[in-house]
Structures are given as structure tokens and as C-alpha cells.
C-alpha atoms as a PDB file:
ATOM      1  CA  MET A   1      35.905 102.113 143.103  1.00  0.00           C
ATOM      2  CA  LYS A   2      37.367 101.359 146.383  1.00  0.00           C
ATOM      3  CA  GLU A   3      35.856  97.831 146.509  1.00  0.00           C
ATOM      4  CA  LYS A   4      37.938  97.248 143.488  1.00  0.00           C
ATOM      5  CA  THR A   5      41.220  98.915 144.789  1.00  0.00           C
ATOM      6  CA  CYS A   6      43.390  97.918 148.141  1.00  0.00           C
ATOM      7  CA  ILE A   7      46.541  98.309 149.961  1.00  0.00           C
ATOM      8  CA  ALA A   8      48.944  95.995 150.219  1.00  0.00           C
ATOM      9  CA  LEU A   9      51.598  96.390 152.961  1.00  0.00           C
ATOM     10  CA  PHE A  10      54.646  95.197 151.185  1.00  0.00           C
ATOM     11  CA  SER A  11      57.831  93.771 152.438  1.00  0.00           C
ATOM     12  CA  GLY A  12      59.293  92.829 149.544  1.00  0.00           C
ATOM     13  CA  GLY A  13      59.761  89.724 150.596  1.00  0.00           C
ATOM     14  CA  LEU A  14      58.115  86.270 148.665  1.00  0.00           C
ATOM     15  CA  ASP A  15      54.645  85.916 150.629  1.00  0.00           C
ATOM     16  CA  SER A  16      53.653  89.410 150.135  1.00  0.00           C
ATOM     17  CA  MET A  17      54.868  89.038 146.171  1.00  0.00           C
ATOM     18  CA  ILE A  18      52.329  86.397 146.342  1.00  0.00           C
ATOM     19  CA  ALA A  19      49.832  88.254 147.963  1.00  0.00           C
ATOM     20  CA  VAL A  20      50.026  91.189 145.439  1.00  0.00           C
ATOM     21  CA  LYS A  21      49.850  88.490 143.080  1.00  0.00           C
ATOM     22  CA  LEU A  22      46.592  87.157 144.032  1.00  0.00           C
ATOM     23  CA  LEU A  23      44.667  89.785 144.038  1.00  0.00           C
ATOM     24  CA  GLN A  24      46.107  91.005 141.090  1.00  0.00           C
ATOM     25  CA  LYS A  25      44.696  88.173 139.480  1.00  0.00           C
ATOM     26  CA  GLN A  26      41.136  88.558 140.625  1.00  0.00           C
ATOM     27  CA  GLY A  27      41.107  92.361 138.726  1.00  0.00           C
ATOM     28  CA  ILE A  28      42.003  94.441 141.988  1.00  0.00           C
ATOM     29  CA  ASN A  29      44.073  97.122 141.596  1.00  0.00           C
ATOM     30  CA  VAL A  30      46.698  96.758 144.717  1.00  0.00           C
ATOM     31  CA  ILE A  31      49.252  99.413 145.976  1.00  0.00           C
ATOM     32  CA  PRO A  32      52.081  97.865 147.688  1.00  0.00           C
ATOM     33  CA  VAL A  33      53.369 100.088 150.138  1.00  0.00           C
ATOM     34  CA  ASN A  34      56.289  99.896 151.951  1.00  0.00           C
ATOM     35  CA  PHE A  35      56.833 101.176 155.183  1.00  0.00           C
ATOM     36  CA  ASN A  36      60.582 102.597 156.237  1.00  0.00           C
ATOM     37  CA  ILE A  37      61.112 102.205 159.635  1.00  0.00           C
ATOM     38  CA  GLY A  38      64.402 103.250 159.532  1.00  0.00           C
ATOM     39  CA  VAL A  39      66.339  99.847 159.940  1.00  0.00           C
ATOM     40  CA  PHE A  40      66.952  98.216 156.148  1.00  0.00           C
ATOM     41  CA  PHE A  41      68.784 100.625 154.486  1.00  0.00           C
ATOM     42  CA  LYS A  42      69.921  99.094 151.134  1.00  0.00           C
ATOM     43  CA  LYS A  43      66.161  98.388 150.741  1.00  0.00           C
ATOM     44  CA  TYR A  44      66.307 101.897 149.619  1.00  0.00           C
ATOM     45  CA  ILE A  45      67.985 105.260 147.704  1.00  0.00           C
ATOM     46  CA  ARG A  46      67.179 108.425 147.044  1.00  0.00           C
ATOM     47  CA  GLU A  47      66.150 110.385 143.966  1.00  0.00           C
ATOM     48  CA  GLY A  48      66.077 113.482 144.109  1.00  0.00           C
ATOM     49  CA  GLY A  49      65.202 113.839 147.535  1.00  0.00           C
ATOM     50  CA  GLU A  50      62.189 111.155 146.825  1.00  0.00           C
ATOM     51  CA  LEU A  51      63.041 107.840 148.494  1.00  0.00           C
ATOM     52  CA  LYS A  52      62.693 104.819 146.106  1.00  0.00           C
ATOM     53  CA  TYR A  53      62.168 101.194 146.694  1.00  0.00           C
ATOM     54  CA  ASN A  54      65.776  99.676 145.753  1.00  0.00           C
ATOM     55  CA  LYS A  55      65.146  95.723 145.383  1.00  0.00           C
ATOM     56  CA  PRO A  56      64.228  93.932 142.486  1.00  0.00           C
ATOM     57  CA  LEU A  57      60.791  93.272 141.294  1.00  0.00           C
ATOM     58  CA  PRO A  58      58.118  91.512 139.669  1.00  0.00           C
ATOM     59  CA  LYS A  59      56.637  92.617 136.096  1.00  0.00           C
ATOM     60  CA  GLY A  60      53.016  95.027 136.983  1.00  0.00           C
ATOM     61  CA  ILE A  61      54.427  95.727 140.710  1.00  0.00           C
ATOM     62  CA  GLU A  62      55.231  99.422 141.707  1.00  0.00           C
ATOM     63  CA  VAL A  63      56.077 100.048 145.423  1.00  0.00           C
ATOM     64  CA  LYS A  64      54.895 103.613 147.074  1.00  0.00           C
ATOM     65  CA  VAL A  65      57.550 103.983 149.590  1.00  0.00           C
ATOM     66  CA  VAL A  66      56.392 105.768 153.190  1.00  0.00           C
ATOM     67  CA  ASP A  67      58.582 106.874 155.612  1.00  0.00           C
ATOM     68  CA  ILE A  68      57.504 106.223 158.905  1.00  0.00           C
ATOM     69  CA  THR A  69      61.258 106.121 160.872  1.00  0.00           C
ATOM     70  CA  LYS A  70      60.025 108.807 163.303  1.00  0.00           C
ATOM     71  CA  ASP A  71      57.155 107.278 164.603  1.00  0.00           C
ATOM     72  CA  PHE A  72      58.179 104.096 164.513  1.00  0.00           C
ATOM     73  CA  LEU A  73      61.665 104.898 166.498  1.00  0.00           C
ATOM     74  CA  HIS A  74      59.481 106.648 169.122  1.00  0.00           C
ATOM     75  CA  MET A  75      57.546 103.493 169.470  1.00  0.00           C
ATOM     76  CA  LEU A  76      60.605 101.319 169.884  1.00  0.00           C
ATOM     77  CA  LYS A  77      61.923 102.745 173.141  1.00  0.00           C
ATOM     78  CA  ASN A  78      58.651 101.609 175.080  1.00  0.00           C
ATOM     79  CA  PRO A  79      56.774  98.625 172.913  1.00  0.00           C
ATOM     80  CA  GLU A  80      53.352  98.314 174.439  1.00  0.00           C
ATOM     81  CA  HIS A  81      53.612  94.601 174.011  1.00  0.00           C
ATOM     82  CA  GLY A  82      56.882  94.296 174.345  1.00  0.00           C
ATOM     83  CA  TYR A  83      59.871  92.964 172.411  1.00  0.00           C
ATOM     84  CA  GLY A  84      60.293  89.044 171.471  1.00  0.00           C
ATOM     85  CA  LYS A  85      63.577  87.713 171.731  1.00  0.00           C
ATOM     86  CA  ASN A  86      66.114  90.617 171.332  1.00  0.00           C
ATOM     87  CA  MET A  87      64.546  94.044 170.388  1.00  0.00           C
ATOM     88  CA  ASN A  88      62.716  93.361 168.176  1.00  0.00           C
ATOM     89  CA  PRO A  89      59.233  94.998 169.008  1.00  0.00           C
ATOM     90  CA  CYS A  90      57.044  92.784 165.909  1.00  0.00           C
ATOM     91  CA  ILE A  91      53.450  93.220 166.988  1.00  0.00           C
ATOM     92  CA  ASP A  92      53.570  96.721 167.681  1.00  0.00           C
ATOM     93  CA  CYS A  93      55.655  97.495 164.737  1.00  0.00           C
ATOM     94  CA  LYS A  94      52.439  95.754 162.781  1.00  0.00           C
ATOM     95  CA  ILE A  95      50.111  97.496 164.475  1.00  0.00           C
ATOM     96  CA  LEU A  96      51.900 100.549 163.752  1.00  0.00           C
ATOM     97  CA  MET A  97      51.996 100.034 159.817  1.00  0.00           C
ATOM     98  CA  MET A  98      48.185  99.177 159.749  1.00  0.00           C
ATOM     99  CA  ARG A  99      47.019 102.250 161.497  1.00  0.00           C
ATOM    100  CA  LYS A 100      49.283 104.145 159.202  1.00  0.00           C
ATOM    101  CA  ALA A 101      48.047 101.962 155.815  1.00  0.00           C
ATOM    102  CA  LYS A 102      44.149 102.756 157.378  1.00  0.00           C
ATOM    103  CA  GLU A 103      44.895 106.122 157.474  1.00  0.00           C
ATOM    104  CA  MET A 104      45.779 106.208 153.468  1.00  0.00           C
ATOM    105  CA  MET A 105      42.953 104.093 152.019  1.00  0.00           C
ATOM    106  CA  GLU A 106      40.581 107.147 151.998  1.00  0.00           C
ATOM    107  CA  GLU A 107      43.744 109.190 149.926  1.00  0.00           C
ATOM    108  CA  LEU A 108      44.606 106.366 147.783  1.00  0.00           C
ATOM    109  CA  GLY A 109      40.588 105.051 146.961  1.00  0.00           C
ATOM    110  CA  ALA A 110      41.070 101.775 148.503  1.00  0.00           C
ATOM    111  CA  GLY A 111      37.897  99.899 150.291  1.00  0.00           C
ATOM    112  CA  PHE A 112      40.826  97.487 152.420  1.00  0.00           C
ATOM    113  CA  VAL A 113      44.429  96.057 153.181  1.00  0.00           C
ATOM    114  CA  ILE A 114      46.278  93.138 152.752  1.00  0.00           C
ATOM    115  CA  THR A 115      49.287  91.355 154.026  1.00  0.00           C
ATOM    116  CA  GLY A 116      51.704  88.357 153.057  1.00  0.00           C
ATOM    117  CA  GLU A 117      51.155  87.458 156.366  1.00  0.00           C
ATOM    118  CA  VAL A 118      50.849  83.232 156.907  1.00  0.00           C
ATOM    119  CA  LEU A 119      49.199  81.854 160.479  1.00  0.00           C
ATOM    120  CA  GLY A 120      51.535  79.777 161.887  1.00  0.00           C
ATOM    121  CA  GLN A 121      54.941  81.094 160.122  1.00  0.00           C
ATOM    122  CA  ARG A 122      56.356  83.551 162.827  1.00  0.00           C
ATOM    123  CA  PRO A 123      55.908  82.452 166.526  1.00  0.00           C
ATOM    124  CA  MET A 124      55.590  85.961 167.819  1.00  0.00           C
ATOM    125  CA  THR A 125      52.589  88.123 165.070  1.00  0.00           C
ATOM    126  CA  GLN A 126      51.254  85.565 163.261  1.00  0.00           C
ATOM    127  CA  ASN A 127      49.547  83.035 165.389  1.00  0.00           C
ATOM    128  CA  SER A 128      45.929  83.349 166.305  1.00  0.00           C
ATOM    129  CA  ARG A 129      45.995  85.343 169.433  1.00  0.00           C
ATOM    130  CA  SER A 130      48.470  87.938 167.915  1.00  0.00           C
ATOM    131  CA  ILE A 131      46.216  87.990 164.541  1.00  0.00           C
ATOM    132  CA  LYS A 132      43.484  88.887 166.147  1.00  0.00           C
ATOM    133  CA  MET A 133      45.314  91.707 168.494  1.00  0.00           C
ATOM    134  CA  ILE A 134      46.702  93.233 165.159  1.00  0.00           C
ATOM    135  CA  LYS A 135      43.495  93.315 163.601  1.00  0.00           C
ATOM    136  CA  ASN A 136      41.637  94.726 166.682  1.00  0.00           C
ATOM    137  CA  GLU A 137      43.992  97.034 167.805  1.00  0.00           C
ATOM    138  CA  SER A 138      45.081  98.408 164.019  1.00  0.00           C
ATOM    139  CA  GLY A 139      41.289  99.490 163.748  1.00  0.00           C
ATOM    140  CA  LEU A 140      41.423  97.748 160.592  1.00  0.00           C
ATOM    141  CA  GLU A 141      38.608  94.825 161.834  1.00  0.00           C
ATOM    142  CA  GLY A 142      36.530  93.797 158.926  1.00  0.00           C
ATOM    143  CA  TYR A 143      38.706  95.186 156.616  1.00  0.00           C
ATOM    144  CA  LEU A 144      42.291  93.446 156.978  1.00  0.00           C
ATOM    145  CA  LEU A 145      42.764  90.759 154.470  1.00  0.00           C
ATOM    146  CA  ARG A 146      45.286  87.800 154.486  1.00  0.00           C
ATOM    147  CA  PRO A 147      45.192  85.904 150.945  1.00  0.00           C
ATOM    148  CA  LEU A 148      47.400  83.364 152.221  1.00  0.00           C
ATOM    149  CA  SER A 149      45.834  81.725 154.723  1.00  0.00           C
ATOM    150  CA  ALA A 150      42.317  83.465 154.153  1.00  0.00           C
ATOM    151  CA  LYS A 151      40.528  80.329 154.185  1.00  0.00           C
ATOM    152  CA  LEU A 152      41.618  79.253 157.394  1.00  0.00           C
ATOM    153  CA  MET A 153      40.426  82.510 158.981  1.00  0.00           C
ATOM    154  CA  GLU A 154      36.487  84.238 158.831  1.00  0.00           C
ATOM    155  CA  PRO A 155      35.623  85.946 156.248  1.00  0.00           C
ATOM    156  CA  THR A 156      36.045  89.619 156.288  1.00  0.00           C
ATOM    157  CA  GLU A 157      33.798  92.328 154.682  1.00  0.00           C
ATOM    158  CA  PRO A 158      35.516  92.590 151.193  1.00  0.00           C
ATOM    159  CA  GLU A 159      34.557  88.524 150.959  1.00  0.00           C
ATOM    160  CA  LYS A 160      31.620  89.050 152.381  1.00  0.00           C
ATOM    161  CA  LEU A 161      30.690  91.828 149.740  1.00  0.00           C
ATOM    162  CA  GLY A 162      31.459  90.421 147.267  1.00  0.00           C
ATOM    163  CA  TRP A 163      34.807  92.124 146.598  1.00  0.00           C
ATOM    164  CA  VAL A 164      37.311  89.477 146.545  1.00  0.00           C
ATOM    165  CA  ASP A 165      36.616  85.730 145.865  1.00  0.00           C
ATOM    166  CA  ARG A 166      36.797  83.507 148.778  1.00  0.00           C
ATOM    167  CA  GLU A 167      37.338  80.887 146.803  1.00  0.00           C
ATOM    168  CA  GLN A 168      40.588  81.866 145.065  1.00  0.00           C
ATOM    169  CA  LEU A 169      42.212  82.060 148.433  1.00  0.00           C
ATOM    170  CA  LEU A 170      44.346  80.058 150.092  1.00  0.00           C
ATOM    171  CA  ASP A 171      44.889  77.745 152.999  1.00  0.00           C
ATOM    172  CA  ILE A 172      48.659  78.257 154.068  1.00  0.00           C
ATOM    173  CA  GLU A 173      49.861  77.315 157.167  1.00  0.00           C
ATOM    174  CA  GLY A 174      53.337  76.892 158.983  1.00  0.00           C
ATOM    175  CA  ARG A 175      56.530  77.443 158.111  1.00  0.00           C
ATOM    176  CA  ASN A 176      56.681  75.215 154.943  1.00  0.00           C
ATOM    177  CA  ARG A 177      57.216  77.046 151.986  1.00  0.00           C
ATOM    178  CA  LYS A 178      56.602  74.261 149.538  1.00  0.00           C
ATOM    179  CA  GLU A 179      52.942  75.903 148.307  1.00  0.00           C
ATOM    180  CA  GLN A 180      54.992  79.738 148.205  1.00  0.00           C
ATOM    181  CA  LEU A 181      57.107  78.311 145.876  1.00  0.00           C
ATOM    182  CA  ARG A 182      54.795  76.533 143.617  1.00  0.00           C
ATOM    183  CA  LEU A 183      53.009  79.928 143.319  1.00  0.00           C
ATOM    184  CA  ALA A 184      55.741  81.591 142.667  1.00  0.00           C
ATOM    185  CA  VAL A 185      56.737  79.940 139.771  1.00  0.00           C
ATOM    186  CA  GLU A 186      53.133  79.837 138.180  1.00  0.00           C
ATOM    187  CA  PHE A 187      53.820  83.680 138.716  1.00  0.00           C
ATOM    188  CA  GLU A 188      56.518  83.840 137.252  1.00  0.00           C
ATOM    189  CA  ILE A 189      58.505  86.214 140.264  1.00  0.00           C
ATOM    190  CA  THR A 190      61.240  83.336 140.801  1.00  0.00           C
ATOM    191  CA  ASP A 191      63.751  85.482 139.669  1.00  0.00           C
ATOM    192  CA  VAL A 192      63.010  88.073 141.680  1.00  0.00           C
ATOM    193  CA  MET A 193      62.608  85.676 145.348  1.00  0.00           C
ATOM    194  CA  GLU A 194      65.317  86.839 147.868  1.00  0.00           C
ATOM    195  CA  THR A 195      66.780  83.892 149.804  1.00  0.00           C
ATOM    196  CA  PRO A 196      64.698  83.508 153.134  1.00  0.00           C
ATOM    197  CA  GLY A 197      66.905  84.586 156.346  1.00  0.00           C
ATOM    198  CA  GLY A 198      68.717  87.368 157.617  1.00  0.00           C
ATOM    199  CA  GLY A 199      65.266  89.259 158.334  1.00  0.00           C
ATOM    200  CA  CYS A 200      65.267  92.009 160.563  1.00  0.00           C
ATOM    201  CA  LEU A 201      68.268  93.421 162.191  1.00  0.00           C
ATOM    202  CA  LEU A 202      66.553  94.373 165.495  1.00  0.00           C
ATOM    203  CA  THR A 203      66.607  90.531 165.892  1.00  0.00           C
ATOM    204  CA  ASP A 204      70.378  90.132 165.662  1.00  0.00           C
ATOM    205  CA  GLU A 205      72.026  89.650 168.894  1.00  0.00           C
ATOM    206  CA  HIS A 206      74.907  91.865 168.482  1.00  0.00           C
ATOM    207  CA  TYR A 207      72.633  94.700 166.901  1.00  0.00           C
ATOM    208  CA  ALA A 208      69.960  94.710 169.754  1.00  0.00           C
ATOM    209  CA  ALA A 209      72.871  94.911 172.504  1.00  0.00           C
ATOM    210  CA  ARG A 210      73.486  98.046 170.713  1.00  0.00           C
ATOM    211  CA  LEU A 211      70.755  99.091 170.446  1.00  0.00           C
ATOM    212  CA  ASN A 212      69.712  98.563 174.350  1.00  0.00           C
ATOM    213  CA  ASP A 213      72.627 100.378 175.569  1.00  0.00           C
ATOM    214  CA  LEU A 214      71.741 102.812 173.189  1.00  0.00           C
ATOM    215  CA  ILE A 215      68.283 103.228 175.023  1.00  0.00           C
ATOM    216  CA  GLN A 216      69.586 102.807 178.727  1.00  0.00           C
ATOM    217  CA  HIS A 217      72.356 105.939 178.110  1.00  0.00           C
ATOM    218  CA  ASN A 218      69.370 108.185 175.678  1.00  0.00           C
ATOM    219  CA  LYS A 219      66.712 107.617 178.017  1.00  0.00           C
ATOM    220  CA  GLU A 220      65.237 111.435 177.432  1.00  0.00           C
ATOM    221  CA  LYS A 221      66.919 111.356 173.849  1.00  0.00           C
ATOM    222  CA  GLU A 222      64.949 110.430 170.632  1.00  0.00           C
ATOM    223  CA  ILE A 223      66.693 107.996 168.276  1.00  0.00           C
ATOM    224  CA  THR A 224      67.227 109.142 165.287  1.00  0.00           C
ATOM    225  CA  GLU A 225      67.623 107.377 161.955  1.00  0.00           C
ATOM    226  CA  GLN A 226      71.517 108.211 161.706  1.00  0.00           C
ATOM    227  CA  ASP A 227      71.785 106.007 164.823  1.00  0.00           C
ATOM    228  CA  MET A 228      69.791 103.236 163.899  1.00  0.00           C
ATOM    229  CA  PHE A 229      72.788 103.417 161.081  1.00  0.00           C
ATOM    230  CA  LEU A 230      75.552 104.318 163.436  1.00  0.00           C
ATOM    231  CA  LEU A 231      74.318 100.422 164.921  1.00  0.00           C
ATOM    232  CA  SER A 232      75.394  98.737 161.939  1.00  0.00           C
ATOM    233  CA  ALA A 233      78.728  99.813 161.630  1.00  0.00           C
ATOM    234  CA  GLY A 234      82.163  98.588 163.197  1.00  0.00           C
ATOM    235  CA  ARG A 235      83.079  97.754 166.653  1.00  0.00           C
ATOM    236  CA  HIS A 236      80.752  99.829 169.536  1.00  0.00           C
ATOM    237  CA  PHE A 237      82.782 100.560 172.779  1.00  0.00           C
ATOM    238  CA  ARG A 238      81.574 102.387 175.461  1.00  0.00           C
ATOM    239  CA  LYS A 239      84.161 104.015 178.515  1.00  0.00           C
ATOM    240  CA  ASN A 240      83.431 107.056 181.138  1.00  0.00           C
ATOM    241  CA  GLY A 241      80.100 107.048 179.606  1.00  0.00           C
ATOM    242  CA  ILE A 242      81.285 107.939 176.284  1.00  0.00           C
ATOM    243  CA  LYS A 243      80.447 105.720 173.288  1.00  0.00           C
ATOM    244  CA  PHE A 244      82.965 105.987 170.558  1.00  0.00           C
ATOM    245  CA  ILE A 245      82.612 103.542 167.390  1.00  0.00           C
ATOM    246  CA  ILE A 246      86.078 101.730 165.717  1.00  0.00           C
ATOM    247  CA  GLY A 247      86.160 100.854 161.690  1.00  0.00           C
ATOM    248  CA  ARG A 248      86.769  96.994 161.971  1.00  0.00           C
ATOM    249  CA  HIS A 249      87.507  96.867 157.609  1.00  0.00           C
ATOM    250  CA  ASN A 250      87.283  99.726 154.587  1.00  0.00           C
ATOM    251  CA  GLY A 251      83.226  98.855 154.782  1.00  0.00           C
ATOM    252  CA  ASP A 252      83.110 100.331 157.895  1.00  0.00           C
ATOM    253  CA  ASN A 253      85.225 103.412 157.561  1.00  0.00           C
ATOM    254  CA  GLN A 254      83.173 104.149 154.289  1.00  0.00           C
ATOM    255  CA  LYS A 255      79.816 104.105 156.422  1.00  0.00           C
ATOM    256  CA  LEU A 256      81.432 106.405 159.230  1.00  0.00           C
ATOM    257  CA  GLU A 257      82.756 109.437 156.924  1.00  0.00           C
ATOM    258  CA  GLN A 258      78.663 109.614 155.504  1.00  0.00           C
ATOM    259  CA  VAL A 259      77.792 110.240 158.756  1.00  0.00           C
ATOM    260  CA  LYS A 260      81.253 112.341 160.875  1.00  0.00           C
ATOM    261  CA  GLU A 261      79.529 115.456 160.458  1.00  0.00           C
ATOM    262  CA  GLY A 262      79.412 116.719 164.002  1.00  0.00           C
ATOM    263  CA  ALA A 263      81.600 113.701 165.301  1.00  0.00           C
ATOM    264  CA  ILE A 264      85.030 113.610 166.980  1.00  0.00           C
ATOM    265  CA  LEU A 265      87.550 111.538 164.650  1.00  0.00           C
ATOM    266  CA  PHE A 266      90.716 110.056 165.436  1.00  0.00           C
ATOM    267  CA  GLU A 267      93.073 108.421 163.076  1.00  0.00           C
ATOM    268  CA  VAL A 268      96.003 107.024 163.571  1.00  0.00           C
ATOM    269  CA  MET A 269      99.144 108.446 161.976  1.00  0.00           C
ATOM    270  CA  ASP A 270     101.953 106.400 159.452  1.00  0.00           C
ATOM    271  CA  ILE A 271      99.253 103.229 159.064  1.00  0.00           C
ATOM    272  CA  PRO A 272      96.318 102.404 157.305  1.00  0.00           C
ATOM    273  CA  GLY A 273      93.574 101.534 160.016  1.00  0.00           C
ATOM    274  CA  PRO A 274      90.401 102.017 161.495  1.00  0.00           C
ATOM    275  CA  LEU A 275      88.226 105.415 161.420  1.00  0.00           C
ATOM    276  CA  VAL A 276      87.255 105.951 165.643  1.00  0.00           C
ATOM    277  CA  VAL A 277      83.742 108.599 165.841  1.00  0.00           C
ATOM    278  CA  THR A 278      82.545 109.657 168.756  1.00  0.00           C
ATOM    279  CA  PHE A 279      79.644 112.006 168.459  1.00  0.00           C
ATOM    280  CA  ASP A 280      79.951 112.929 172.338  1.00  0.00           C
ATOM    281  CA  SER A 281      81.566 115.487 174.248  1.00  0.00           C
ATOM    282  CA  PRO A 282      84.792 113.519 176.075  1.00  0.00           C
ATOM    283  CA  ASP A 283      86.898 114.928 178.435  1.00  0.00           C
ATOM    284  CA  ASP A 284      90.754 115.320 177.293  1.00  0.00           C
ATOM    285  CA  GLU A 285      92.120 112.366 179.464  1.00  0.00           C
ATOM    286  CA  THR A 286      88.963 109.880 177.869  1.00  0.00           C
ATOM    287  CA  ILE A 287      90.364 111.640 174.122  1.00  0.00           C
ATOM    288  CA  LYS A 288      93.238 110.145 175.122  1.00  0.00           C
ATOM    289  CA  GLU A 289      92.088 106.676 175.765  1.00  0.00           C
ATOM    290  CA  ILE A 290      90.067 106.681 172.862  1.00  0.00           C
ATOM    291  CA  ALA A 291      93.498 108.222 171.344  1.00  0.00           C
ATOM    292  CA  ALA A 292      94.648 104.743 172.513  1.00  0.00           C
ATOM    293  CA  PHE A 293      91.704 102.281 171.342  1.00  0.00           C
ATOM    294  CA  ALA A 294      92.090 103.610 168.046  1.00  0.00           C
ATOM    295  CA  ALA A 295      95.942 102.337 168.072  1.00  0.00           C
ATOM    296  CA  GLY A 296      95.413  99.200 169.704  1.00  0.00           C
ATOM    297  CA  TYR A 297      93.475  98.115 166.783  1.00  0.00           C
ATOM    298  CA  THR A 298      96.234  98.937 164.138  1.00  0.00           C
ATOM    299  CA  LYS A 299      99.416  96.667 163.360  1.00  0.00           C
ATOM    300  CA  LEU A 300     100.636  99.677 166.083  1.00  0.00           C
ATOM    301  CA  ARG A 301      99.379  97.915 168.408  1.00  0.00           C
ATOM    302  CA  ASP A 302     102.892  96.614 170.169  1.00  0.00           C
ATOM    303  CA  LYS A 303     104.582  99.649 169.881  1.00  0.00           C
ATOM    304  CA  GLU A 304     105.551 102.131 173.201  1.00  0.00           C
ATOM    305  CA  GLU A 305     104.325 104.857 171.514  1.00  0.00           C
ATOM    306  CA  VAL A 306     101.504 106.000 168.968  1.00  0.00           C
ATOM    307  CA  SER A 307     100.455 109.197 166.965  1.00  0.00           C
ATOM    308  CA  VAL A 308      97.119 109.647 166.169  1.00  0.00           C
ATOM    309  CA  LYS A 309      95.501 112.593 164.727  1.00  0.00           C
ATOM    310  CA  ILE A 310      92.419 114.369 166.221  1.00  0.00           C
ATOM    311  CA  LEU A 311      90.005 116.339 164.112  1.00  0.00           C
ATOM    312  CA  ASN A 312      87.496 118.288 166.561  1.00  0.00           C
ATOM    313  CA  GLY A 313      85.708 120.642 164.059  1.00  0.00           C
ATOM    314  CA  GLY A 314      88.073 122.749 162.343  1.00  0.00           C
ATOM    315  CA  ASN A 315      90.589 122.702 165.516  1.00  0.00           C
ATOM    316  CA  GLU A 316      93.052 119.238 164.842  1.00  0.00           C
ATOM    317  CA  LYS A 317      95.923 117.974 166.889  1.00  0.00           C
ATOM    318  CA  ILE A 318      98.098 115.017 167.501  1.00  0.00           C
ATOM    319  CA  ILE A 319      98.891 113.500 170.532  1.00  0.00           C
ATOM    320  CA  LYS A 320     101.462 110.315 171.470  1.00  0.00           C
ATOM    321  CA  VAL A 321      99.746 107.216 173.685  1.00  0.00           C
ATOM    322  CA  LYS A 322     100.465 104.194 174.274  1.00  0.00           C
ATOM    323  CA  PRO A 323      97.858 101.034 172.572  1.00  0.00           C
ATOM    324  CA  ILE A 324      95.714  99.476 174.785  1.00  0.00           C
ATOM    325  CA  SER A 325      95.539  95.729 174.485  1.00  0.00           C
ATOM    326  CA  ARG A 326      92.879  93.744 172.644  1.00  0.00           C
ATOM    327  CA  GLU A 327      92.361  92.223 176.047  1.00  0.00           C
ATOM    328  CA  GLU A 328      91.017  95.098 178.059  1.00  0.00           C
ATOM    329  CA  ALA A 329      89.972  96.761 175.165  1.00  0.00           C
ATOM    330  CA  GLU A 330      87.323  94.414 174.735  1.00  0.00           C
ATOM    331  CA  LYS A 331      86.018  94.560 178.484  1.00  0.00           C
ATOM    332  CA  TRP A 332      84.534  98.216 177.344  1.00  0.00           C
ATOM    333  CA  LYS A 333      82.876  96.954 174.124  1.00  0.00           C
ATOM    334  CA  VAL A 334      78.933  97.177 173.803  1.00  0.00           C
END
């Protein structure tokens, strides 16, 4: 029966875990859904072509992963409600996820949707005004329940209809997590709790600057999940309108190796060094300049001449360049 089933927007954080447990405690069949938006790369693993949630979970919680990357990245270029401090379109992101959850209700036999949001915890999306706006624009008005702060809000239809016992819901407000930590012990989920912090990559100043640069130079082109992945790897530069990435360490090189198909690759000869890639189409002069950048980020940077191998599809050539100085290179850093 739909009155005994709900969809939970599941982030994997402590609050969303507690929201699920509170409703399960009332005998509600909770279907936790995690929406992949193409940003949280470490959360998932592919098994047989299917995307799976790849973080520890409490006993009794199984997560359904739904990929909304294409819709999210389309919205990301021009969010109706704007960005937060950096490039985080938090309000539009919430609305998109809740609209998607609403679309899934009939398919999953669910009567309402819950989230782990706490009133006053996050300044952009969890104030009274934003909460009301998100509820209204998602199309879930009356059927969107926030169990952790429910007693501070107007009763929802599931509460009015007796599907959910309002007395067993909570009145948490603000950023103090004392009550959540107490409930984590009660629900025996302390062993899978993530340390608070880190958050969304889009709130990171450096990642956001790279994303803004990408959007400004690709106004007519859709952003892809690979674009978002690349923004998290290496040092980013733009010279003569050409974007290229220089690995900082072996971990970056491994990331770039994963997605190098279709790229022009630059590798400094005779010494371990960074992998350098560009997915643009530089002319011969810019290719020489990128090679000089590659050499400038190795131990050979003080040499007068360094050999750099360039791989472009099935073609390979070696050119000699004078390494660029770090000081000069930084002028072109994104």
C-alpha cells in the first residue's frame, strides 16, 4: 500500500540515515534513492554495467542509485535560482531531485517522499523560505516530509492521514548535531557514519573556478560527466584558447589515463613526470607551448632543451623545447 511506502532522498550522510531509520521504526517501507549527478565520483562502482552505491550502509538500508547526470549538468550551466558561494546550484539541485523522486512514486508504489534535511542547518537550502520554495516547485507540496524537523513545520498529508505518527518525528533545528549523534548510537549506525565536512565539490573554490572556465568556453556545448571528472584532476591551464591539464602526481596521471581516449598526450622523455592532455585542437605553435609547460613541471625544468613525446591518435612525434618557468606558467593557470 502506498501509504506504507515512501521514497527517501538518500545522500549517505548521517541525517539521511536517521530519516530512513525513523520511518522504518514506524513500520514504513522506505526506499532510499541516491541520485548520481556526475560529481561524487567515489560514491559509486559499476557492476555489470549497473551503477551501485559504494559506501558503507547501516543494516536494513539498501540504496537504489538513479543516474540524473545529464539533466543535472544541463541545469548546472544556467540554474534558475543561481549559485551559492561558488558554483553550487543547491536550490535547483534539490528541486530537480525531488521532481525526479515524484516521477518515481507511481513506479515504486510510494505515497510520499522524505529527506534528511534539518531546518537551519544549511544557509542556502534549509531556511524556511527555501524549504517552502523547494516544496512548491518540486510538485510535492503536502507529500514531502522532513522527519528530523517535522514538528517545526506544518503537518504534511501523510501525518494528517495517519500514515505517519507525527509524535515520533523530531524538532531538530540548527547546526548542532548533538541529537543526531545520540540517535546514531540508538540506531546502531555509528560504524558507518561519515566524518562531517568535505561536502559537494561544487562548493570548492578551485574546482568551481575550473567549472566556470569550462562553462564560459563551452556555451553551446553540453557538459559531460567526463568533463566533471577531469576538473578534479591535475593542474588546469588555458593558453591561446586551448585547455590542457598537467598531472600533479601519480594519482592524477592515473585519472588522466582513464579518460585519455581522443586526447593529445604529452610525455617528457628520459624522466618520470606528469602526463599532460588536451582534448582541444591546438595548432603547431600551441603544441610546442604545451610541451614547454610539460617540461617545466619536471626536474628538467632548468635545462635549455628537453625532449617531449607527443601522441595524437596513431601518430607519434618527439620535439625539443625549452621548459617554461613556473612563474610564467602560473599566469595561464585556471
